[in-house]
C-alpha cells in the first residue's frame, strides 16, 4: 500500500450492507469491496466496516476515518500513520 510522507493512505471501499456474511475483498491496491452484515442504520454498517478494515490492516480502529460517503455505498477511508504501524509490526 502506498502512503504519503505523513504515512496516510486513502482507499475506496464499495459497501454492500445487509449481507449474509461479512467479507472484505481487495480489488486493487487502493480499492476494496466490503460485504457487511449490519444494516445502514445509525452508523452500524460504518462501524462494522471500520472494524473489519482495522482487522485487515492490523491497526487500531482509531487510525481509520471515513472522509467521504458516510451515507453512500462508496466510501473514501483515510488510514492514518501507516508507516509507523508497519515499523511496529516488523
PDB file of N, CA and C in Angstrom:
ATOM      1  N   UNK A   1       0.843  -1.173   0.000  1.00  0.00           N
ATOM      2  CA  UNK A   1       0.000   0.000   0.000  1.00  0.00           C
ATOM      3  C   UNK A   1       0.888   1.235   0.000  1.00  0.00           C
ATOM      4  N   UNK A   2       0.587   2.179  -0.846  1.00  0.00           N
ATOM      5  CA  UNK A   2       1.343   3.427  -0.918  1.00  0.00           C
ATOM      6  C   UNK A   2       0.810   4.412   0.112  1.00  0.00           C
ATOM      7  N   UNK A   3       1.713   5.229   0.619  1.00  0.00           N
ATOM      8  CA  UNK A   3       1.288   6.265   1.561  1.00  0.00           C
ATOM      9  C   UNK A   3       2.066   7.539   1.288  1.00  0.00           C
ATOM     10  N   UNK A   4       1.529   8.662   1.780  1.00  0.00           N
ATOM     11  CA  UNK A   4       2.213   9.928   1.589  1.00  0.00           C
ATOM     12  C   UNK A   4       3.286  10.105   2.661  1.00  0.00           C
ATOM     13  N   UNK A   5       3.926  11.276   2.674  1.00  0.00           N
ATOM     14  CA  UNK A   5       5.030  11.494   3.604  1.00  0.00           C
ATOM     15  C   UNK A   5       4.592  11.487   5.067  1.00  0.00           C
ATOM     16  N   UNK A   6       3.307  11.725   5.334  1.00  0.00           N
ATOM     17  CA  UNK A   6       2.797  11.675   6.703  1.00  0.00           C
ATOM     18  C   UNK A   6       2.341  10.280   7.089  1.00  0.00           C
ATOM     19  N   UNK A   7       2.483   9.323   6.176  1.00  0.00           N
ATOM     20  CA  UNK A   7       2.071   7.960   6.477  1.00  0.00           C
ATOM     21  C   UNK A   7       0.576   7.765   6.375  1.00  0.00           C
ATOM     22  N   UNK A   8      -0.111   8.598   5.596  1.00  0.00           N
ATOM     23  CA  UNK A   8      -1.551   8.470   5.447  1.00  0.00           C
ATOM     24  C   UNK A   8      -1.884   7.906   4.080  1.00  0.00           C
ATOM     25  N   UNK A   9      -2.891   7.064   4.034  1.00  0.00           N
ATOM     26  CA  UNK A   9      -3.318   6.413   2.803  1.00  0.00           C
ATOM     27  C   UNK A   9      -4.823   6.605   2.656  1.00  0.00           C
ATOM     28  N   UNK A  10      -5.283   6.773   1.431  1.00  0.00           N
ATOM     29  CA  UNK A  10      -6.712   6.867   1.144  1.00  0.00           C
ATOM     30  C   UNK A  10      -7.096   5.647   0.317  1.00  0.00           C
ATOM     31  N   UNK A  11      -8.130   4.944   0.749  1.00  0.00           N
ATOM     32  CA  UNK A  11      -8.641   3.815  -0.016  1.00  0.00           C
ATOM     33  C   UNK A  11     -10.122   4.045  -0.313  1.00  0.00           C
ATOM     34  N   UNK A  12     -10.606   3.388  -1.353  1.00  0.00           N
ATOM     35  CA  UNK A  12     -12.015   3.440  -1.727  1.00  0.00           C
ATOM     36  C   UNK A  12     -12.636   2.093  -1.397  1.00  0.00           C
ATOM     37  N   UNK A  13     -13.789   2.127  -0.746  1.00  0.00           N
ATOM     38  CA  UNK A  13     -14.482   0.893  -0.395  1.00  0.00           C
ATOM     39  C   UNK A  13     -15.923   0.978  -0.883  1.00  0.00           C
ATOM     40  N   UNK A  14     -16.327  -0.018  -1.631  1.00  0.00           N
ATOM     41  CA  UNK A  14     -17.726  -0.153  -2.070  1.00  0.00           C
ATOM     42  C   UNK A  14     -18.387  -1.105  -1.078  1.00  0.00           C
ATOM     43  N   UNK A  15     -19.448  -0.635  -0.416  1.00  0.00           N
ATOM     44  CA  UNK A  15     -20.079  -1.368   0.673  1.00  0.00           C
ATOM     45  C   UNK A  15     -21.393  -2.002   0.225  1.00  0.00           C
ATOM     46  N   UNK A  16     -21.597  -3.234   0.657  1.00  0.00           N
ATOM     47  CA  UNK A  16     -22.858  -3.928   0.439  1.00  0.00           C
ATOM     48  C   UNK A  16     -23.401  -4.317   1.821  1.00  0.00           C
ATOM     49  N   UNK A  17     -24.300  -3.508   2.386  1.00  0.00           N
ATOM     50  CA  UNK A  17     -24.837  -3.813   3.713  1.00  0.00           C
ATOM     51  C   UNK A  17     -25.883  -4.930   3.658  1.00  0.00           C
ATOM     52  N   UNK A  18     -26.232  -5.431   4.825  1.00  0.00           N
ATOM     53  CA  UNK A  18     -27.262  -6.463   4.995  1.00  0.00           C
ATOM     54  C   UNK A  18     -26.954  -7.737   4.202  1.00  0.00           C
ATOM     55  N   UNK A  19     -25.686  -8.125   4.173  1.00  0.00           N
ATOM     56  CA  UNK A  19     -25.276  -9.361   3.511  1.00  0.00           C
ATOM     57  C   UNK A  19     -25.415 -10.525   4.485  1.00  0.00           C
ATOM     58  N   UNK A  20     -25.395 -11.717   3.951  1.00  0.00           N
ATOM     59  CA  UNK A  20     -25.500 -12.909   4.801  1.00  0.00           C
ATOM     60  C   UNK A  20     -24.232 -13.152   5.597  1.00  0.00           C
ATOM     61  N   UNK A  21     -23.105 -12.779   5.006  1.00  0.00           N
ATOM     62  CA  UNK A  21     -21.831 -12.965   5.704  1.00  0.00           C
ATOM     63  C   UNK A  21     -20.941 -11.747   5.524  1.00  0.00           C
ATOM     64  N   UNK A  22     -20.014 -11.593   6.436  1.00  0.00           N
ATOM     65  CA  UNK A  22     -19.074 -10.480   6.392  1.00  0.00           C
ATOM     66  C   UNK A  22     -17.881 -10.892   5.537  1.00  0.00           C
ATOM     67  N   UNK A  23     -17.492 -10.014   4.609  1.00  0.00           N
ATOM     68  CA  UNK A  23     -16.381 -10.333   3.712  1.00  0.00           C
ATOM     69  C   UNK A  23     -15.737  -9.043   3.222  1.00  0.00           C
ATOM     70  N   UNK A  24     -14.416  -9.054   3.125  1.00  0.00           N
ATOM     71  CA  UNK A  24     -13.665  -7.933   2.576  1.00  0.00           C
ATOM     72  C   UNK A  24     -12.848  -8.453   1.404  1.00  0.00           C
ATOM     73  N   UNK A  25     -13.040  -7.849   0.238  1.00  0.00           N
ATOM     74  CA  UNK A  25     -12.368  -8.280  -0.979  1.00  0.00           C
ATOM     75  C   UNK A  25     -11.507  -7.129  -1.486  1.00  0.00           C
ATOM     76  N   UNK A  26     -10.219  -7.399  -1.686  1.00  0.00           N
ATOM     77  CA  UNK A  26      -9.330  -6.380  -2.236  1.00  0.00           C
ATOM     78  C   UNK A  26      -9.371  -6.481  -3.752  1.00  0.00           C
ATOM     79  N   UNK A  27      -9.794  -5.395  -4.407  1.00  0.00           N
ATOM     80  CA  UNK A  27      -9.914  -5.348  -5.856  1.00  0.00           C
ATOM     81  C   UNK A  27      -8.615  -4.868  -6.492  1.00  0.00           C
ATOM     82  N   UNK A  28      -8.024  -3.832  -5.913  1.00  0.00           N
ATOM     83  CA  UNK A  28      -6.727  -3.327  -6.364  1.00  0.00           C
ATOM     84  C   UNK A  28      -5.985  -2.817  -5.127  1.00  0.00           C
ATOM     85  N   UNK A  29      -4.875  -2.149  -5.354  1.00  0.00           N
ATOM     86  CA  UNK A  29      -4.077  -1.673  -4.223  1.00  0.00           C
ATOM     87  C   UNK A  29      -4.839  -0.710  -3.319  1.00  0.00           C
ATOM     88  N   UNK A  30      -5.743   0.073  -3.911  1.00  0.00           N
ATOM     89  CA  UNK A  30      -6.473   1.067  -3.116  1.00  0.00           C
ATOM     90  C   UNK A  30      -7.980   0.915  -3.198  1.00  0.00           C
ATOM     91  N   UNK A  31      -8.474  -0.178  -3.741  1.00  0.00           N
ATOM     92  CA  UNK A  31      -9.914  -0.390  -3.870  1.00  0.00           C
ATOM     93  C   UNK A  31     -10.328  -1.714  -3.227  1.00  0.00           C
ATOM     94  N   UNK A  32     -11.421  -1.645  -2.466  1.00  0.00           N
ATOM     95  CA  UNK A  32     -11.939  -2.813  -1.775  1.00  0.00           C
ATOM     96  C   UNK A  32     -13.451  -2.893  -1.958  1.00  0.00           C
ATOM     97  N   UNK A  33     -13.984  -4.085  -1.752  1.00  0.00           N
ATOM     98  CA  UNK A  33     -15.429  -4.285  -1.672  1.00  0.00           C
ATOM     99  C   UNK A  33     -15.687  -4.953  -0.330  1.00  0.00           C
ATOM    100  N   UNK A  34     -16.667  -4.440   0.397  1.00  0.00           N
ATOM    101  CA  UNK A  34     -16.975  -4.975   1.718  1.00  0.00           C
ATOM    102  C   UNK A  34     -18.428  -5.422   1.771  1.00  0.00           C
ATOM    103  N   UNK A  35     -18.634  -6.662   2.159  1.00  0.00           N
ATOM    104  CA  UNK A  35     -19.976  -7.169   2.434  1.00  0.00           C
ATOM    105  C   UNK A  35     -20.143  -7.144   3.943  1.00  0.00           C
ATOM    106  N   UNK A  36     -21.171  -6.440   4.393  1.00  0.00           N
ATOM    107  CA  UNK A  36     -21.387  -6.230   5.817  1.00  0.00           C
ATOM    108  C   UNK A  36     -22.707  -6.851   6.244  1.00  0.00           C
ATOM    109  N   UNK A  37     -22.740  -7.389   7.435  1.00  0.00           N
ATOM    110  CA  UNK A  37     -23.961  -7.985   7.979  1.00  0.00           C
ATOM    111  C   UNK A  37     -24.909  -6.892   8.469  1.00  0.00           C
ATOM    112  N   UNK A  38     -24.368  -5.843   9.021  1.00  0.00           N
ATOM    113  CA  UNK A  38     -25.174  -4.759   9.599  1.00  0.00           C
ATOM    114  C   UNK A  38     -25.958  -3.997   8.541  1.00  0.00           C
ATOM    115  N   UNK A  39     -27.093  -3.476   8.977  1.00  0.00           N
ATOM    116  CA  UNK A  39     -27.893  -2.591   8.135  1.00  0.00           C
ATOM    117  C   UNK A  39     -27.323  -1.176   8.235  1.00  0.00           C
ATOM    118  N   UNK A  40     -27.533  -0.357   7.210  1.00  0.00           N
ATOM    119  CA  UNK A  40     -27.031   1.025   7.268  1.00  0.00           C
ATOM    120  C   UNK A  40     -27.947   1.889   8.137  1.00  0.00           C
ATOM    121  N   UNK A  41     -27.995   1.583   9.420  1.00  0.00           N
ATOM    122  CA  UNK A  41     -28.901   2.241  10.351  1.00  0.00           C
ATOM    123  C   UNK A  41     -28.110   2.763  11.544  1.00  0.00           C
ATOM    124  N   UNK A  42     -28.143   4.053  11.769  1.00  0.00           N
ATOM    125  CA  UNK A  42     -27.496   4.704  12.911  1.00  0.00           C
ATOM    126  C   UNK A  42     -25.990   4.424  12.973  1.00  0.00           C
ATOM    127  N   UNK A  43     -25.359   4.316  11.804  1.00  0.00           N
ATOM    128  CA  UNK A  43     -23.914   4.140  11.757  1.00  0.00           C
ATOM    129  C   UNK A  43     -23.415   2.732  12.031  1.00  0.00           C
ATOM    130  N   UNK A  44     -24.307   1.756  12.141  1.00  0.00           N
ATOM    131  CA  UNK A  44     -23.875   0.387  12.453  1.00  0.00           C
ATOM    132  C   UNK A  44     -23.020  -0.207  11.346  1.00  0.00           C
ATOM    133  N   UNK A  45     -23.407  -0.017  10.094  1.00  0.00           N
ATOM    134  CA  UNK A  45     -22.619  -0.554   8.975  1.00  0.00           C
ATOM    135  C   UNK A  45     -21.260   0.139   8.884  1.00  0.00           C
ATOM    136  N   UNK A  46     -21.214   1.439   9.115  1.00  0.00           N
ATOM    137  CA  UNK A  46     -19.933   2.156   9.089  1.00  0.00           C
ATOM    138  C   UNK A  46     -18.998   1.655  10.187  1.00  0.00           C
ATOM    139  N   UNK A  47     -19.538   1.407  11.370  1.00  0.00           N
ATOM    140  CA  UNK A  47     -18.728   0.898  12.473  1.00  0.00           C
ATOM    141  C   UNK A  47     -18.199  -0.499  12.151  1.00  0.00           C
ATOM    142  N   UNK A  48     -19.047  -1.337  11.559  1.00  0.00           N
ATOM    143  CA  UNK A  48     -18.618  -2.678  11.169  1.00  0.00           C
ATOM    144  C   UNK A  48     -17.518  -2.590  10.100  1.00  0.00           C
ATOM    145  N   UNK A  49     -17.686  -1.692   9.142  1.00  0.00           N
ATOM    146  CA  UNK A  49     -16.691  -1.509   8.090  1.00  0.00           C
ATOM    147  C   UNK A  49     -15.337  -1.120   8.673  1.00  0.00           C
ATOM    148  N   UNK A  50     -15.319  -0.134   9.553  1.00  0.00           N
ATOM    149  CA  UNK A  50     -14.060   0.307  10.152  1.00  0.00           C
ATOM    150  C   UNK A  50     -13.421  -0.813  10.972  1.00  0.00           C
ATOM    151  N   UNK A  51     -14.237  -1.626  11.621  1.00  0.00           N
ATOM    152  CA  UNK A  51     -13.709  -2.738  12.418  1.00  0.00           C
ATOM    153  C   UNK A  51     -13.051  -3.798  11.530  1.00  0.00           C
ATOM    154  N   UNK A  52     -13.681  -4.155  10.412  1.00  0.00           N
ATOM    155  CA  UNK A  52     -13.068  -5.187   9.568  1.00  0.00           C
ATOM    156  C   UNK A  52     -11.845  -4.646   8.826  1.00  0.00           C
ATOM    157  N   UNK A  53     -11.858  -3.369   8.476  1.00  0.00           N
ATOM    158  CA  UNK A  53     -10.669  -2.773   7.862  1.00  0.00           C
ATOM    159  C   UNK A  53      -9.509  -2.708   8.857  1.00  0.00           C
ATOM    160  N   UNK A  54      -9.799  -2.350  10.094  1.00  0.00           N
ATOM    161  CA  UNK A  54      -8.758  -2.293  11.130  1.00  0.00           C
ATOM    162  C   UNK A  54      -8.152  -3.675  11.335  1.00  0.00           C
ATOM    163  N   UNK A  55      -8.991  -4.693  11.345  1.00  0.00           N
ATOM    164  CA  UNK A  55      -8.514  -6.064  11.500  1.00  0.00           C
ATOM    165  C   UNK A  55      -7.665  -6.473  10.290  1.00  0.00           C
ATOM    166  N   UNK A  56      -8.107  -6.141   9.111  1.00  0.00           N
ATOM    167  CA  UNK A  56      -7.401  -6.486   7.873  1.00  0.00           C
ATOM    168  C   UNK A  56      -6.004  -5.861   7.833  1.00  0.00           C
ATOM    169  N   UNK A  57      -5.912  -4.589   8.199  1.00  0.00           N
ATOM    170  CA  UNK A  57      -4.635  -3.886   8.152  1.00  0.00           C
ATOM    171  C   UNK A  57      -3.819  -4.042   9.440  1.00  0.00           C
ATOM    172  N   UNK A  58      -4.383  -4.646  10.466  1.00  0.00           N
ATOM    173  CA  UNK A  58      -3.676  -4.809  11.727  1.00  0.00           C
ATOM    174  C   UNK A  58      -3.476  -3.505  12.467  1.00  0.00           C
ATOM    175  N   UNK A  59      -4.464  -2.630  12.387  1.00  0.00           N
ATOM    176  CA  UNK A  59      -4.398  -1.312  13.022  1.00  0.00           C
ATOM    177  C   UNK A  59      -5.510  -1.147  14.045  1.00  0.00           C
ATOM    178  N   UNK A  60      -5.350  -0.167  14.901  1.00  0.00           N
ATOM    179  CA  UNK A  60      -6.433   0.208  15.812  1.00  0.00           C
ATOM    180  C   UNK A  60      -7.521   0.915  15.003  1.00  0.00           C
ATOM    181  N   UNK A  61      -8.795   0.684  15.312  1.00  0.00           N
ATOM    182  CA  UNK A  61      -9.876   1.356  14.591  1.00  0.00           C
ATOM    183  C   UNK A  61      -9.777   2.884  14.633  1.00  0.00           C
ATOM    184  N   UNK A  62      -9.128   3.424  15.638  1.00  0.00           N
ATOM    185  CA  UNK A  62      -8.974   4.878  15.745  1.00  0.00           C
ATOM    186  C   UNK A  62      -8.080   5.448  14.640  1.00  0.00           C
ATOM    187  N   UNK A  63      -7.336   4.608  13.940  1.00  0.00           N
ATOM    188  CA  UNK A  63      -6.482   5.067  12.844  1.00  0.00           C
ATOM    189  C   UNK A  63      -7.227   5.147  11.513  1.00  0.00           C
ATOM    190  N   UNK A  64      -8.495   4.762  11.507  1.00  0.00           N
ATOM    191  CA  UNK A  64      -9.306   4.785  10.297  1.00  0.00           C
ATOM    192  C   UNK A  64     -10.404   5.821  10.432  1.00  0.00           C
ATOM    193  N   UNK A  65     -10.701   6.495   9.307  1.00  0.00           N
ATOM    194  CA  UNK A  65     -11.737   7.529   9.345  1.00  0.00           C
ATOM    195  C   UNK A  65     -12.401   7.603   7.977  1.00  0.00           C
ATOM    196  N   UNK A  66     -13.723   7.674   7.980  1.00  0.00           N
ATOM    197  CA  UNK A  66     -14.465   7.861   6.739  1.00  0.00           C
ATOM    198  C   UNK A  66     -14.415   9.348   6.412  1.00  0.00           C
ATOM    199  N   UNK A  67     -13.782   9.693   5.289  1.00  0.00           N
ATOM    200  CA  UNK A  67     -13.663  11.107   4.940  1.00  0.00           C
ATOM    201  C   UNK A  67     -14.693  11.537   3.897  1.00  0.00           C
ATOM    202  N   UNK A  68     -15.304  10.575   3.222  1.00  0.00           N
ATOM    203  CA  UNK A  68     -16.377  10.899   2.286  1.00  0.00           C
ATOM    204  C   UNK A  68     -17.267   9.669   2.105  1.00  0.00           C
ATOM    205  N   UNK A  69     -18.576   9.897   2.091  1.00  0.00           N
ATOM    206  CA  UNK A  69     -19.510   8.828   1.791  1.00  0.00           C
ATOM    207  C   UNK A  69     -20.121   8.139   2.990  1.00  0.00           C
ATOM    208  N   UNK A  70     -20.261   8.839   4.113  1.00  0.00           N
ATOM    209  CA  UNK A  70     -20.838   8.206   5.304  1.00  0.00           C
ATOM    210  C   UNK A  70     -22.215   7.614   5.043  1.00  0.00           C
ATOM    211  N   UNK A  71     -22.997   8.244   4.160  1.00  0.00           N
ATOM    212  CA  UNK A  71     -24.337   7.739   3.867  1.00  0.00           C
ATOM    213  C   UNK A  71     -24.414   7.129   2.465  1.00  0.00           C
ATOM    214  N   UNK A  72     -23.282   6.914   1.841  1.00  0.00           N
ATOM    215  CA  UNK A  72     -23.221   6.369   0.494  1.00  0.00           C
ATOM    216  C   UNK A  72     -22.637   4.961   0.530  1.00  0.00           C
ATOM    217  N   UNK A  73     -22.855   4.204  -0.537  1.00  0.00           N
ATOM    218  CA  UNK A  73     -22.261   2.869  -0.618  1.00  0.00           C
ATOM    219  C   UNK A  73     -20.775   2.931  -0.971  1.00  0.00           C
ATOM    220  N   UNK A  74     -20.347   3.984  -1.632  1.00  0.00           N
ATOM    221  CA  UNK A  74     -18.935   4.152  -1.964  1.00  0.00           C
ATOM    222  C   UNK A  74     -18.324   5.131  -0.968  1.00  0.00           C
ATOM    223  N   UNK A  75     -17.289   4.683  -0.272  1.00  0.00           N
ATOM    224  CA  UNK A  75     -16.699   5.481   0.801  1.00  0.00           C
ATOM    225  C   UNK A  75     -15.206   5.672   0.575  1.00  0.00           C
ATOM    226  N   UNK A  76     -14.710   6.828   0.962  1.00  0.00           N
ATOM    227  CA  UNK A  76     -13.271   7.075   0.994  1.00  0.00           C
ATOM    228  C   UNK A  76     -12.827   6.970   2.443  1.00  0.00           C
ATOM    229  N   UNK A  77     -11.842   6.124   2.678  1.00  0.00           N
ATOM    230  CA  UNK A  77     -11.358   5.872   4.030  1.00  0.00           C
ATOM    231  C   UNK A  77      -9.915   6.349   4.131  1.00  0.00           C
ATOM    232  N   UNK A  78      -9.631   7.131   5.155  1.00  0.00           N
ATOM    233  CA  UNK A  78      -8.272   7.572   5.437  1.00  0.00           C
ATOM    234  C   UNK A  78      -7.673   6.637   6.475  1.00  0.00           C
ATOM    235  N   UNK A  79      -6.490   6.127   6.153  1.00  0.00           N
ATOM    236  CA  UNK A  79      -5.742   5.287   7.089  1.00  0.00           C
ATOM    237  C   UNK A  79      -4.568   6.121   7.559  1.00  0.00           C
ATOM    238  N   UNK A  80      -4.537   6.431   8.846  1.00  0.00           N
ATOM    239  CA  UNK A  80      -3.525   7.338   9.393  1.00  0.00           C
ATOM    240  C   UNK A  80      -2.275   6.594   9.861  1.00  0.00           C
ATOM    241  N   UNK A  81      -1.126   7.212   9.631  1.00  0.00           N
ATOM    242  CA  UNK A  81       0.159   6.758  10.160  1.00  0.00           C
ATOM    243  C   UNK A  81       0.470   5.309   9.831  1.00  0.00           C
ATOM    244  N   UNK A  82       0.334   4.925   8.562  1.00  0.00           N
ATOM    245  CA  UNK A  82       0.602   3.543   8.192  1.00  0.00           C
ATOM    246  C   UNK A  82       2.077   3.200   8.291  1.00  0.00           C
ATOM    247  N   UNK A  83       2.966   4.164   8.039  1.00  0.00           N
ATOM    248  CA  UNK A  83       4.407   3.865   8.137  1.00  0.00           C
ATOM    249  C   UNK A  83       4.798   3.495   9.556  1.00  0.00           C
ATOM    250  N   UNK A  84       4.256   4.218  10.519  1.00  0.00           N
ATOM    251  CA  UNK A  84       4.581   3.954  11.908  1.00  0.00           C
ATOM    252  C   UNK A  84       4.108   2.556  12.301  1.00  0.00           C
ATOM    253  N   UNK A  85       2.912   2.163  11.884  1.00  0.00           N
ATOM    254  CA  UNK A  85       2.383   0.860  12.259  1.00  0.00           C
ATOM    255  C   UNK A  85       3.135  -0.262  11.549  1.00  0.00           C
ATOM    256  N   UNK A  86       3.586  -0.038  10.303  1.00  0.00           N
ATOM    257  CA  UNK A  86       4.360  -1.043   9.603  1.00  0.00           C
ATOM    258  C   UNK A  86       5.686  -1.288  10.301  1.00  0.00           C
ATOM    259  N   UNK A  87       6.298  -0.255  10.834  1.00  0.00           N
ATOM    260  CA  UNK A  87       7.549  -0.407  11.565  1.00  0.00           C
ATOM    261  C   UNK A  87       7.310  -1.191  12.860  1.00  0.00           C
ATOM    262  N   UNK A  88       6.187  -0.952  13.502  1.00  0.00           N
ATOM    263  CA  UNK A  88       5.866  -1.625  14.749  1.00  0.00           C
ATOM    264  C   UNK A  88       5.639  -3.123  14.518  1.00  0.00           C
ATOM    265  N   UNK A  89       5.116  -3.504  13.362  1.00  0.00           N
ATOM    266  CA  UNK A  89       4.810  -4.898  13.077  1.00  0.00           C
ATOM    267  C   UNK A  89       6.054  -5.699  12.682  1.00  0.00           C
ATOM    268  N   UNK A  90       7.164  -5.042  12.414  1.00  0.00           N
ATOM    269  CA  UNK A  90       8.380  -5.769  11.991  1.00  0.00           C
ATOM    270  C   UNK A  90       9.140  -6.300  13.152  1.00  0.00           C
TER     271      UNK A  90
END
